[in-house]
């Protein structure tokens, strides 16, 4: 059965703003049902509501990026979450795939401590009863809802973890994984010094893009979690560099939608 929430997210991603009545007609359900769906999705931070409309967030808004390729990103996060054991402390940087990962940990792990510079992530999993959240302070980027800069790194010096999970905006064989913001890139590089492993979570289309600044060198990455549409030549290159490549199935629209952070583990 085609999932209604996924179709709603697809429609908003394509059109940016759509009327409730148009969604009801598109999905062949009542306006009351659509309003209930939109309230649930707004609570999850993947869209916002205006009078009579559903609206995508700003370009750099994590909620908006979570709505794009939702199912693929959820599966990537599920695979990455299996690498985290109960009781572990992990660093999670900002980004849509990282937000899905934090949600998976909140739903399915016990006594995991998440250190993050993303206020979005901290807020997104705030009701999880078995997760401890440490939010790093710093200069605040309002659209991305993330802290950056030297204060973040000063705070991070107090911690050393086994794993740092990051997203990426692009990749090249020469420069490695890349981003769009040099201040955030410097923050990622500093956080990487506090972790034994750097693990990249990214959907496969990012391998066809190049950011303007390096996040991490390829040789500093231990594992990549992506989907099964990663270009074969990129996968071969990563494997040659002895990087573990985990490929989640690409998204389909026939699975049940379940995004509620549970009250039990």
Protein backbone atom coordinates (compact mmCIF):
# COMPACT_ATOMS: atom_id res chain seq x y z
CA UNK A 1 0.00 0.00 0.00
CA UNK A 2 1.32 3.41 -0.98
CA UNK A 3 2.14 5.33 2.15
CA UNK A 4 0.24 8.59 2.55
CA UNK A 5 2.91 10.41 4.55
CA UNK A 6 5.63 9.63 2.02
CA UNK A 7 3.40 10.92 -0.81
CA UNK A 8 2.71 14.10 1.16
CA UNK A 9 6.46 14.67 1.61
CA UNK A 10 7.06 14.00 -2.08
CA UNK A 11 4.40 16.55 -3.09
CA UNK A 12 5.76 19.25 -0.77
CA UNK A 13 9.34 18.61 -1.89
CA UNK A 14 8.30 19.09 -5.51
CA UNK A 15 5.98 22.08 -5.08
CA UNK A 16 7.36 23.77 -1.92
CA UNK A 17 3.82 24.87 -0.95
CA UNK A 18 0.57 22.99 -1.49
CA UNK A 19 -3.03 23.45 -0.37
CA UNK A 20 -4.64 21.01 2.03
CA UNK A 21 -7.51 20.57 -0.43
CA UNK A 22 -5.06 19.67 -3.21
CA UNK A 23 -3.38 17.06 -1.01
CA UNK A 24 -6.75 15.59 -0.08
CA UNK A 25 -7.68 15.31 -3.75
CA UNK A 26 -4.27 13.90 -4.68
CA UNK A 27 -4.46 11.18 -2.03
CA UNK A 28 -8.22 10.61 -2.23
CA UNK A 29 -8.81 11.19 1.47
CA UNK A 30 -10.65 13.81 3.51
CA UNK A 31 -9.24 17.18 4.52
CA UNK A 32 -9.58 16.10 8.15
CA UNK A 33 -7.27 13.15 7.48
CA UNK A 34 -4.75 15.36 5.68
CA UNK A 35 -4.76 17.92 8.50
CA UNK A 36 -4.06 15.13 11.00
CA UNK A 37 -1.19 13.87 8.82
CA UNK A 38 0.27 17.37 8.49
CA UNK A 39 0.09 17.93 12.25
CA UNK A 40 2.07 14.73 12.81
CA UNK A 41 4.66 15.66 10.18
CA UNK A 42 5.01 19.19 11.55
CA UNK A 43 5.66 17.77 15.01
CA UNK A 44 8.49 15.74 13.49
CA UNK A 45 9.95 18.91 11.98
CA UNK A 46 9.80 17.89 8.31
CA UNK A 47 7.34 20.61 7.21
CA UNK A 48 5.36 23.53 8.57
CA UNK A 49 1.72 24.47 8.26
CA UNK A 50 0.17 27.75 7.23
CA UNK A 51 -3.55 28.45 7.03
CA UNK A 52 -4.85 25.99 4.46
CA UNK A 53 -1.36 25.03 3.23
CA UNK A 54 1.60 22.75 3.90
CA UNK A 55 4.97 24.42 3.31
CA UNK A 56 8.56 23.21 2.92
CA UNK A 57 11.17 24.77 5.19
CA UNK A 58 14.07 27.03 4.15
CA UNK A 59 16.72 25.59 1.81
CA UNK A 60 19.18 24.75 4.60
CA UNK A 61 16.50 23.58 7.01
CA UNK A 62 17.13 20.00 8.20
CA UNK A 63 13.43 19.22 8.35
CA UNK A 64 13.08 20.08 4.68
CA UNK A 65 16.07 17.90 3.80
CA UNK A 66 14.67 15.02 5.87
CA UNK A 67 11.54 15.13 3.72
CA UNK A 68 13.63 14.59 0.57
CA UNK A 69 14.29 10.89 -0.08
CA UNK A 70 12.79 10.15 3.32
CA UNK A 71 12.63 6.38 2.97
CA UNK A 72 16.20 6.05 1.66
CA UNK A 73 17.61 8.18 4.48
CA UNK A 74 15.66 6.24 7.08
CA UNK A 75 17.13 2.96 5.81
CA UNK A 76 20.65 4.38 5.77
CA UNK A 77 20.17 5.47 9.38
CA UNK A 78 18.81 2.08 10.42
CA UNK A 79 21.92 0.39 9.04
CA UNK A 80 24.26 2.88 10.72
CA UNK A 81 22.43 2.54 14.05
CA UNK A 82 23.35 -1.13 14.17
CA UNK A 83 26.99 -0.11 14.56
CA UNK A 84 26.18 1.56 17.91
CA UNK A 85 25.93 -0.61 21.00
CA UNK A 86 23.91 0.04 24.15
CA UNK A 87 25.79 2.23 26.62
CA UNK A 88 28.05 3.80 23.98
CA UNK A 89 28.83 7.51 23.60
CA UNK A 90 28.83 8.90 20.07
CA UNK A 91 29.33 12.25 18.36
CA UNK A 92 26.69 13.15 15.77
CA UNK A 93 27.15 16.21 13.57
CA UNK A 94 24.35 18.09 11.87
CA UNK A 95 22.50 16.95 8.74
CA UNK A 96 19.36 15.11 7.67
CA UNK A 97 20.91 11.63 7.61
CA UNK A 98 22.43 12.30 11.04
CA UNK A 99 19.03 13.38 12.36
CA UNK A 100 17.52 10.10 11.19
CA UNK A 101 20.38 8.25 12.89
CA UNK A 102 19.76 10.04 16.19
CA UNK A 103 16.10 9.12 15.92
CA UNK A 104 16.95 5.46 15.33
CA UNK A 105 19.20 5.43 18.38
CA UNK A 106 16.51 7.12 20.44
CA UNK A 107 13.96 4.54 19.37
CA UNK A 108 16.01 1.37 19.60
CA UNK A 109 19.01 1.76 21.94
CA UNK A 110 19.43 2.05 25.69
CA UNK A 111 21.75 4.30 27.66
CA UNK A 112 23.44 5.79 24.58
CA UNK A 113 24.91 9.27 25.05
CA UNK A 114 24.66 11.51 21.99
CA UNK A 115 27.01 14.49 21.82
CA UNK A 116 25.93 16.87 19.08
CA UNK A 117 26.28 20.43 17.83
CA UNK A 118 22.81 20.26 16.27
CA UNK A 119 20.02 21.86 18.28
CA UNK A 120 17.59 20.36 15.76
CA UNK A 121 18.76 16.84 16.66
CA UNK A 122 18.67 17.59 20.39
CA UNK A 123 15.10 18.88 20.10
CA UNK A 124 14.04 16.11 17.70
CA UNK A 125 14.83 13.31 20.18
CA UNK A 126 14.11 15.25 23.37
CA UNK A 127 11.35 12.87 24.53
CA UNK A 128 13.45 9.70 24.27
CA UNK A 129 13.67 8.24 27.80
CA UNK A 130 16.83 6.14 27.43
CA UNK A 131 19.11 8.59 25.61
CA UNK A 132 21.37 11.21 27.18
CA UNK A 133 21.94 14.32 25.05
CA UNK A 134 24.91 16.66 25.36
CA UNK A 135 24.53 19.79 23.21
CA UNK A 136 27.74 21.60 22.31
CA UNK A 137 27.64 25.40 22.46
CA UNK A 138 29.05 27.79 19.87
CA UNK A 139 28.13 30.29 17.16
CA UNK A 140 24.58 29.48 16.09
CA UNK A 141 23.53 29.12 12.45
CA UNK A 142 19.78 29.67 12.60
CA UNK A 143 18.57 27.99 9.39
CA UNK A 144 20.68 24.86 9.84
CA UNK A 145 20.06 24.93 13.64
CA UNK A 146 23.68 24.03 14.32
CA UNK A 147 26.52 25.50 16.37
CA UNK A 148 29.93 26.02 14.78
CA UNK A 149 33.29 27.60 15.46
CA UNK A 150 35.99 27.51 18.13
CA UNK A 151 33.63 27.35 21.11
CA UNK A 152 32.19 24.07 19.79
CA UNK A 153 35.68 22.63 19.54
CA UNK A 154 36.58 23.88 23.01
CA UNK A 155 33.54 22.07 24.41
CA UNK A 156 34.35 18.93 22.42
CA UNK A 157 37.83 18.75 23.92
CA UNK A 158 36.22 17.40 27.09
CA UNK A 159 35.09 14.25 25.27
CA UNK A 160 36.66 11.39 23.34
CA UNK A 161 34.40 8.92 21.56
CA UNK A 162 34.72 5.86 19.38
CA UNK A 163 32.51 7.20 16.59
CA UNK A 164 31.76 10.50 14.88
CA UNK A 165 28.88 10.42 12.41
CA UNK A 166 28.78 13.16 9.78
CA UNK A 167 26.87 13.98 6.60
CA UNK A 168 28.35 15.33 3.37
CA UNK A 169 27.29 17.58 0.52
CA UNK A 170 29.64 16.06 -2.05
CA UNK A 171 32.64 13.86 -2.79
CA UNK A 172 35.69 13.74 -5.03
CA UNK A 173 38.49 11.20 -5.18
CA UNK A 174 41.05 13.99 -4.88
CA UNK A 175 39.62 15.93 -1.93
CA UNK A 176 37.42 13.38 -0.16
CA UNK A 177 34.08 14.31 1.39
CA UNK A 178 33.10 17.93 0.96
CA UNK A 179 30.69 20.54 2.31
CA UNK A 180 29.35 23.98 1.45
CA UNK A 181 30.26 25.99 4.56
CA UNK A 182 33.90 26.49 5.55
CA UNK A 183 33.10 27.21 9.20
CA UNK A 184 31.08 24.02 9.53
CA UNK A 185 33.87 22.15 7.73
CA UNK A 186 36.41 23.39 10.27
CA UNK A 187 34.06 22.28 13.04
CA UNK A 188 33.77 18.78 11.54
CA UNK A 189 37.55 18.54 11.22
CA UNK A 190 37.95 19.50 14.86
CA UNK A 191 35.31 17.00 16.02
CA UNK A 192 37.06 14.28 14.03
CA UNK A 193 40.10 14.69 16.26
CA UNK A 194 37.96 13.67 19.25
CA UNK A 195 36.86 10.34 17.76
CA UNK A 196 38.55 7.09 16.91
CA UNK A 197 36.39 6.56 13.80
CA UNK A 198 34.74 8.94 11.33
CA UNK A 199 31.63 7.49 9.70
CA UNK A 200 29.87 9.20 6.78
CA UNK A 201 26.12 8.96 6.21
CA UNK A 202 25.01 10.20 2.80
CA UNK A 203 22.53 9.32 0.10
CA UNK A 204 24.13 8.26 -3.17
CA UNK A 205 23.29 11.34 -5.23
CA UNK A 206 25.83 13.33 -3.16
CA UNK A 207 28.60 11.37 -4.91
CA UNK A 208 27.69 13.28 -8.08
CA UNK A 209 28.29 16.66 -6.40
CA UNK A 210 31.30 18.53 -5.12
CA UNK A 211 31.18 20.95 -2.21
CA UNK A 212 33.38 24.01 -1.98
CA UNK A 213 35.42 22.90 1.03
CA UNK A 214 36.80 19.63 2.36
CA UNK A 215 35.12 18.05 5.38
CA UNK A 216 37.36 15.02 5.83
CA UNK A 217 39.97 13.24 3.75
CA UNK A 218 39.01 9.86 2.35
CA UNK A 219 41.80 8.17 4.31
CA UNK A 220 40.35 9.51 7.59
CA UNK A 221 37.01 7.77 7.05
CA UNK A 222 36.35 4.29 8.47
CA UNK A 223 32.94 3.54 6.96
CA UNK A 224 30.32 4.97 4.61
CA UNK A 225 26.61 4.30 4.93
CA UNK A 226 24.75 5.08 1.72
CA UNK A 227 22.17 3.49 -0.58
CA UNK A 228 22.51 0.93 -3.34
CA UNK A 229 22.64 3.56 -6.09
CA UNK A 230 26.18 4.61 -5.23
CA UNK A 231 28.17 4.80 -8.50
CA UNK A 232 30.15 1.56 -8.93
CA UNK A 233 33.39 3.44 -9.61
CA UNK A 234 33.03 5.38 -6.35
CA UNK A 235 32.28 2.23 -4.38
CA UNK A 236 35.34 0.54 -5.90
CA UNK A 237 37.50 3.55 -4.99
CA UNK A 238 36.29 3.55 -1.38
CA UNK A 239 36.84 -0.19 -1.03
CA UNK A 240 40.33 0.21 -2.46
CA UNK A 241 40.97 2.71 0.34
CA UNK A 242 39.83 0.03 2.82
CA UNK A 243 36.67 1.91 3.74
CA UNK A 244 33.67 -0.23 4.66
CA UNK A 245 30.73 0.56 2.38
CA UNK A 246 27.24 -0.29 3.67
CA UNK A 247 24.48 -0.01 1.06
CA UNK A 248 20.86 0.30 2.18
CA UNK A 249 18.03 -0.43 -0.27
CA UNK A 250 16.80 2.60 -2.20
CA UNK A 251 13.45 4.00 -1.23
CA UNK A 252 10.12 2.48 -2.22
CA UNK A 253 6.68 3.71 -1.34
CA UNK A 254 5.05 0.52 -0.13
CA UNK A 255 6.19 0.35 3.50
CA UNK A 256 4.31 1.62 6.57
CA UNK A 257 5.27 5.04 7.84
CA UNK A 258 6.50 4.98 11.43
CA UNK A 259 8.32 8.02 12.73
CA UNK A 260 7.19 8.26 16.35
CA UNK A 261 9.93 8.22 18.98
CA UNK A 262 8.78 5.47 21.29
CA UNK A 263 8.36 5.85 25.03
CA UNK A 264 9.96 2.48 25.61
CA UNK A 265 13.13 0.95 24.27
